[in-house]
Amino acid sequence: MSESTETIYHRVSRLEDEVATLRAEVDRLKHAMRNKIARHEISLIKKGSDVESIID
């Protein structure tokens, strides 16, 4: 096997890194959406609407 040949172990390692990066990005997006929903709920409450939060 030459040095330029990628082993299955290297491939799995790279894929695990990609998955970790994607999970971190999804977490950031979820946090941003929670903030947006919370801001929207606050604006509704300020307008006098009765709001039941959808955020856990």
PDB file of N, CA and C in Angstrom:
ATOM      1  N   MET A   1       0.836  -1.174   0.000  1.00  0.00           N
ATOM      2  CA  MET A   1       0.000   0.000   0.000  1.00  0.00           C
ATOM      3  C   MET A   1       0.883   1.241   0.000  1.00  0.00           C
ATOM      4  N   SER A   2       0.572   2.198  -0.857  1.00  0.00           N
ATOM      5  CA  SER A   2       1.373   3.412  -0.901  1.00  0.00           C
ATOM      6  C   SER A   2       0.929   4.384   0.191  1.00  0.00           C
ATOM      7  N   GLU A   3       1.780   5.376   0.441  1.00  0.00           N
ATOM      8  CA  GLU A   3       1.471   6.356   1.479  1.00  0.00           C
ATOM      9  C   GLU A   3       0.266   7.217   1.116  1.00  0.00           C
ATOM     10  N   SER A   4      -0.017   7.377  -0.187  1.00  0.00           N
ATOM     11  CA  SER A   4      -1.123   8.235  -0.601  1.00  0.00           C
ATOM     12  C   SER A   4      -2.476   7.526  -0.511  1.00  0.00           C
ATOM     13  N   THR A   5      -2.465   6.221  -0.288  1.00  0.00           N
ATOM     14  CA  THR A   5      -3.709   5.476  -0.173  1.00  0.00           C
ATOM     15  C   THR A   5      -4.326   5.715   1.191  1.00  0.00           C
ATOM     16  N   GLU A   6      -5.596   6.102   1.170  1.00  0.00           N
ATOM     17  CA  GLU A   6      -6.299   6.369   2.419  1.00  0.00           C
ATOM     18  C   GLU A   6      -6.836   5.058   2.982  1.00  0.00           C
ATOM     19  N   THR A   7      -6.547   4.800   4.228  1.00  0.00           N
ATOM     20  CA  THR A   7      -7.059   3.578   4.852  1.00  0.00           C
ATOM     21  C   THR A   7      -8.478   3.838   5.339  1.00  0.00           C
ATOM     22  N   ILE A   8      -9.183   2.782   5.617  1.00  0.00           N
ATOM     23  CA  ILE A   8     -10.546   2.894   6.127  1.00  0.00           C
ATOM     24  C   ILE A   8     -10.555   3.646   7.456  1.00  0.00           C
ATOM     25  N   TYR A   9      -9.506   3.489   8.237  1.00  0.00           N
ATOM     26  CA  TYR A   9      -9.413   4.149   9.535  1.00  0.00           C
ATOM     27  C   TYR A   9      -9.290   5.662   9.370  1.00  0.00           C
ATOM     28  N   HIS A  10      -8.489   6.082   8.381  1.00  0.00           N
ATOM     29  CA  HIS A  10      -8.362   7.510   8.112  1.00  0.00           C
ATOM     30  C   HIS A  10      -9.686   8.081   7.602  1.00  0.00           C
ATOM     31  N   ARG A  11     -10.346   7.324   6.746  1.00  0.00           N
ATOM     32  CA  ARG A  11     -11.628   7.771   6.193  1.00  0.00           C
ATOM     33  C   ARG A  11     -12.677   7.919   7.305  1.00  0.00           C
ATOM     34  N   VAL A  12     -12.749   6.928   8.173  1.00  0.00           N
ATOM     35  CA  VAL A  12     -13.701   6.981   9.289  1.00  0.00           C
ATOM     36  C   VAL A  12     -13.378   8.161  10.196  1.00  0.00           C
ATOM     37  N   SER A  13     -12.122   8.387  10.450  1.00  0.00           N
ATOM     38  CA  SER A  13     -11.703   9.506  11.288  1.00  0.00           C
ATOM     39  C   SER A  13     -12.134  10.833  10.672  1.00  0.00           C
ATOM     40  N   ARG A  14     -11.929  10.990   9.361  1.00  0.00           N
ATOM     41  CA  ARG A  14     -12.344  12.227   8.690  1.00  0.00           C
ATOM     42  C   ARG A  14     -13.852  12.393   8.748  1.00  0.00           C
ATOM     43  N   LEU A  15     -14.591  11.309   8.547  1.00  0.00           N
ATOM     44  CA  LEU A  15     -16.051  11.380   8.601  1.00  0.00           C
ATOM     45  C   LEU A  15     -16.550  11.729   9.998  1.00  0.00           C
ATOM     46  N   GLU A  16     -15.897  11.190  11.014  1.00  0.00           N
ATOM     47  CA  GLU A  16     -16.269  11.534  12.393  1.00  0.00           C
ATOM     48  C   GLU A  16     -16.043  13.012  12.663  1.00  0.00           C
ATOM     49  N   ASP A  17     -14.953  13.561  12.133  1.00  0.00           N
ATOM     50  CA  ASP A  17     -14.681  14.994  12.277  1.00  0.00           C
ATOM     51  C   ASP A  17     -15.761  15.817  11.577  1.00  0.00           C
ATOM     52  N   GLU A  18     -16.165  15.384  10.384  1.00  0.00           N
ATOM     53  CA  GLU A  18     -17.208  16.090   9.647  1.00  0.00           C
ATOM     54  C   GLU A  18     -18.533  16.045  10.406  1.00  0.00           C
ATOM     55  N   VAL A  19     -18.858  14.899  10.977  1.00  0.00           N
ATOM     56  CA  VAL A  19     -20.094  14.761  11.753  1.00  0.00           C
ATOM     57  C   VAL A  19     -20.058  15.692  12.958  1.00  0.00           C
ATOM     58  N   ALA A  20     -18.942  15.756  13.639  1.00  0.00           N
ATOM     59  CA  ALA A  20     -18.812  16.634  14.807  1.00  0.00           C
ATOM     60  C   ALA A  20     -18.990  18.095  14.399  1.00  0.00           C
ATOM     61  N   THR A  21     -18.427  18.484  13.268  1.00  0.00           N
ATOM     62  CA  THR A  21     -18.577  19.847  12.771  1.00  0.00           C
ATOM     63  C   THR A  21     -20.033  20.153  12.447  1.00  0.00           C
ATOM     64  N   LEU A  22     -20.696  19.219  11.790  1.00  0.00           N
ATOM     65  CA  LEU A  22     -22.115  19.409  11.445  1.00  0.00           C
ATOM     66  C   LEU A  22     -22.989  19.481  12.687  1.00  0.00           C
ATOM     67  N   ARG A  23     -22.709  18.657  13.677  1.00  0.00           N
ATOM     68  CA  ARG A  23     -23.479  18.701  14.927  1.00  0.00           C
ATOM     69  C   ARG A  23     -23.321  20.045  15.624  1.00  0.00           C
ATOM     70  N   ALA A  24     -22.113  20.571  15.627  1.00  0.00           N
ATOM     71  CA  ALA A  24     -21.874  21.875  16.245  1.00  0.00           C
ATOM     72  C   ALA A  24     -22.645  22.964  15.498  1.00  0.00           C
ATOM     73  N   GLU A  25     -22.682  22.874  14.179  1.00  0.00           N
ATOM     74  CA  GLU A  25     -23.419  23.858  13.381  1.00  0.00           C
ATOM     75  C   GLU A  25     -24.921  23.760  13.658  1.00  0.00           C
ATOM     76  N   VAL A  26     -25.439  22.554  13.754  1.00  0.00           N
ATOM     77  CA  VAL A  26     -26.862  22.360  14.059  1.00  0.00           C
ATOM     78  C   VAL A  26     -27.175  22.930  15.442  1.00  0.00           C
ATOM     79  N   ASP A  27     -26.296  22.714  16.404  1.00  0.00           N
ATOM     80  CA  ASP A  27     -26.505  23.265  17.744  1.00  0.00           C
ATOM     81  C   ASP A  27     -26.568  24.789  17.711  1.00  0.00           C
ATOM     82  N   ARG A  28     -25.683  25.426  16.921  1.00  0.00           N
ATOM     83  CA  ARG A  28     -25.709  26.885  16.797  1.00  0.00           C
ATOM     84  C   ARG A  28     -27.015  27.353  16.165  1.00  0.00           C
ATOM     85  N   LEU A  29     -27.484  26.644  15.146  1.00  0.00           N
ATOM     86  CA  LEU A  29     -28.739  27.006  14.489  1.00  0.00           C
ATOM     87  C   LEU A  29     -29.932  26.843  15.429  1.00  0.00           C
ATOM     88  N   LYS A  30     -29.935  25.751  16.198  1.00  0.00           N
ATOM     89  CA  LYS A  30     -31.024  25.542  17.160  1.00  0.00           C
ATOM     90  C   LYS A  30     -31.042  26.662  18.199  1.00  0.00           C
ATOM     91  N   HIS A  31     -29.875  27.055  18.670  1.00  0.00           N
ATOM     92  CA  HIS A  31     -29.786  28.131  19.654  1.00  0.00           C
ATOM     93  C   HIS A  31     -30.310  29.440  19.059  1.00  0.00           C
ATOM     94  N   ALA A  32     -29.934  29.722  17.825  1.00  0.00           N
ATOM     95  CA  ALA A  32     -30.390  30.943  17.164  1.00  0.00           C
ATOM     96  C   ALA A  32     -31.907  30.933  16.993  1.00  0.00           C
ATOM     97  N   MET A  33     -32.478  29.800  16.622  1.00  0.00           N
ATOM     98  CA  MET A  33     -33.927  29.706  16.450  1.00  0.00           C
ATOM     99  C   MET A  33     -34.641  29.863  17.785  1.00  0.00           C
ATOM    100  N   ARG A  34     -34.104  29.285  18.841  1.00  0.00           N
ATOM    101  CA  ARG A  34     -34.712  29.456  20.171  1.00  0.00           C
ATOM    102  C   ARG A  34     -34.726  30.926  20.569  1.00  0.00           C
ATOM    103  N   ASN A  35     -33.627  31.629  20.287  1.00  0.00           N
ATOM    104  CA  ASN A  35     -33.565  33.053  20.599  1.00  0.00           C
ATOM    105  C   ASN A  35     -34.592  33.831  19.787  1.00  0.00           C
ATOM    106  N   LYS A  36     -34.725  33.490  18.518  1.00  0.00           N
ATOM    107  CA  LYS A  36     -35.684  34.181  17.657  1.00  0.00           C
ATOM    108  C   LYS A  36     -37.113  33.947  18.146  1.00  0.00           C
ATOM    109  N   ILE A  37     -37.427  32.722  18.503  1.00  0.00           N
ATOM    110  CA  ILE A  37     -38.768  32.393  19.006  1.00  0.00           C
ATOM    111  C   ILE A  37     -39.026  33.142  20.317  1.00  0.00           C
ATOM    112  N   ALA A  38     -38.032  33.151  21.199  1.00  0.00           N
ATOM    113  CA  ALA A  38     -38.192  33.843  22.485  1.00  0.00           C
ATOM    114  C   ALA A  38     -38.432  35.333  22.262  1.00  0.00           C
ATOM    115  N   ARG A  39     -37.692  35.948  21.344  1.00  0.00           N
ATOM    116  CA  ARG A  39     -37.900  37.372  21.058  1.00  0.00           C
ATOM    117  C   ARG A  39     -39.301  37.616  20.508  1.00  0.00           C
ATOM    118  N   HIS A  40     -39.769  36.728  19.657  1.00  0.00           N
ATOM    119  CA  HIS A  40     -41.116  36.854  19.099  1.00  0.00           C
ATOM    120  C   HIS A  40     -42.168  36.738  20.209  1.00  0.00           C
ATOM    121  N   GLU A  41     -41.996  35.766  21.096  1.00  0.00           N
ATOM    122  CA  GLU A  41     -42.934  35.599  22.210  1.00  0.00           C
ATOM    123  C   GLU A  41     -42.951  36.833  23.108  1.00  0.00           C
ATOM    124  N   ILE A  42     -41.789  37.401  23.362  1.00  0.00           N
ATOM    125  CA  ILE A  42     -41.716  38.601  24.195  1.00  0.00           C
ATOM    126  C   ILE A  42     -42.463  39.749  23.526  1.00  0.00           C
ATOM    127  N   SER A  43     -42.295  39.886  22.216  1.00  0.00           N
ATOM    128  CA  SER A  43     -43.002  40.975  21.526  1.00  0.00           C
ATOM    129  C   SER A  43     -44.514  40.761  21.583  1.00  0.00           C
ATOM    130  N   LEU A  44     -44.969  39.516  21.501  1.00  0.00           N
ATOM    131  CA  LEU A  44     -46.405  39.241  21.608  1.00  0.00           C
ATOM    132  C   LEU A  44     -46.922  39.563  23.010  1.00  0.00           C
ATOM    133  N   ILE A  45     -46.147  39.210  24.014  1.00  0.00           N
ATOM    134  CA  ILE A  45     -46.540  39.485  25.403  1.00  0.00           C
ATOM    135  C   ILE A  45     -46.628  40.991  25.631  1.00  0.00           C
ATOM    136  N   LYS A  46     -45.671  41.734  25.092  1.00  0.00           N
ATOM    137  CA  LYS A  46     -45.686  43.189  25.239  1.00  0.00           C
ATOM    138  C   LYS A  46     -46.928  43.790  24.592  1.00  0.00           C
ATOM    139  N   LYS A  47     -47.442  43.143  23.546  1.00  0.00           N
ATOM    140  CA  LYS A  47     -48.646  43.624  22.861  1.00  0.00           C
ATOM    141  C   LYS A  47     -49.917  43.192  23.581  1.00  0.00           C
ATOM    142  N   GLY A  48     -49.741  42.398  24.649  1.00  0.00           N
ATOM    143  CA  GLY A  48     -50.897  41.967  25.449  1.00  0.00           C
ATOM    144  C   GLY A  48     -51.451  40.606  25.064  1.00  0.00           C
ATOM    145  N   SER A  49     -50.791  39.905  24.182  1.00  0.00           N
ATOM    146  CA  SER A  49     -51.257  38.566  23.784  1.00  0.00           C
ATOM    147  C   SER A  49     -50.915  37.558  24.871  1.00  0.00           C
ATOM    148  N   ASP A  50     -51.792  36.582  25.025  1.00  0.00           N
ATOM    149  CA  ASP A  50     -51.534  35.477  25.948  1.00  0.00           C
ATOM    150  C   ASP A  50     -50.753  34.430  25.168  1.00  0.00           C
ATOM    151  N   VAL A  51     -49.527  34.180  25.574  1.00  0.00           N
ATOM    152  CA  VAL A  51     -48.627  33.298  24.815  1.00  0.00           C
ATOM    153  C   VAL A  51     -48.237  32.115  25.671  1.00  0.00           C
ATOM    154  N   GLU A  52     -48.326  30.937  25.079  1.00  0.00           N
ATOM    155  CA  GLU A  52     -47.814  29.730  25.727  1.00  0.00           C
ATOM    156  C   GLU A  52     -46.539  29.351  24.991  1.00  0.00           C
ATOM    157  N   SER A  53     -45.433  29.322  25.688  1.00  0.00           N
ATOM    158  CA  SER A  53     -44.140  29.094  25.054  1.00  0.00           C
ATOM    159  C   SER A  53     -44.070  27.712  24.428  1.00  0.00           C
ATOM    160  N   ILE A  54     -43.425  27.665  23.255  1.00  0.00           N
ATOM    161  CA  ILE A  54     -43.194  26.377  22.598  1.00  0.00           C
ATOM    162  C   ILE A  54     -41.779  25.889  22.838  1.00  0.00           C
ATOM    163  N   ILE A  55     -40.996  26.708  23.559  1.00  0.00           N
ATOM    164  CA  ILE A  55     -39.621  26.335  23.856  1.00  0.00           C
ATOM    165  C   ILE A  55     -39.591  25.518  25.131  1.00  0.00           C
ATOM    166  N   ASP A  56     -38.887  24.383  25.073  1.00  0.00           N
ATOM    167  CA  ASP A  56     -38.754  23.524  26.266  1.00  0.00           C
ATOM    168  C   ASP A  56     -37.742  24.076  27.220  1.00  0.00           C
TER     169      ASP A  56
END
